[in-house]
């Protein structure tokens, strides 16, 4: 049933071990071990994507054998500066439940990182309009006739709206997705987060030419353009990004805003009550842009599944395979929220409305 094991994993165990024991354990909320990643990796093939502007991206593909496959393919669009390897166990879970799965790293991150980030040009718009777009184009070309679904984590949900062919998507699941407007941060953490992400991060970026986040144990090192977008973000994203670029006499940011309305796929937006990034206000701010979609805003508290914390990252931890992942599976399979899903529906918006 599975394709051959990739020689990438067999021949580079030394690299893999160094990654797990060194850099990957520094991912926010990341917990892993070498044995479990090897188990998952045996079902994934390394992947190279080329963007329209000529960048090469690295990623991984879980693909079932068989010519006339009827299952959908799921693309996982990552959080800011989180490596696609972080989602390997979740991808494997989807694969074992009948989906083909594609993960990739944005330009400047992980498998797509250049030798140096100093002077490397990349911003949030590139990650959506070029990098996620390359993944969508690859899926359409390589898996003809299969539905394309997208899982967006954090900024990965925002990136969906920026991709030119986002209209191809069949279903969307987002987890903690927003675009980092600071007034939407959780009240208890807002001051600390503002200092961290909107003062310290841009200051260090000016010093180094990129954000050396790994030295701080925060996330992957991050291109300066991404830091600029994040640290300056306003209540309306189109008032922040690509302000100095024009296409056909029109500001590019306005064109990008309209692109969100091309998405007609139903959206299940999951928010975690102890996630200071993914507050109700933050999720609703992003969801309002997807005005052509039927949107469901689902909230889960740690107590709903008998744990003390989940936060912004842990939804994709393997320990929630039995408690949280069936909610994602039910939505991606049938566009339905399982009757026994933990949490509650906070908001629902129909196509043509912004709330």
Foldseek 3Di string as FASTA:
>chain_A
DADAFEVVCVVVVVVVQCCQVAQQVLAVVADDDSVVLSVLNRQKYWDWFAWPVGAIWIWIKRDDDDDPQAAAEEEEQEAAQAAQSRLSVVCSLVVVVRYIYIYIDFQCHDRNNDPDLQVPDDALLCSQQIVVLRVVVCCCVVPPPHAYEYEYAACRVVSLLNHQVSLRHAAYEYELYFQQALVQFDPVCSVVVLCVLQPVQLVCCVVRNWGPVSVVSHHHIGHNNHSQLNNPAHLQSLVRPQQPDDDPNHRVSVVSLLSLCSHAHAYEYEYEPQARSRHPVRVLSSQLSNQNYKYWYWYAYCVLQPDDDCYRRNLSPPVCVPQRSVQVVVCSVPVDGDPSHGTDTDDIHHHPGRD
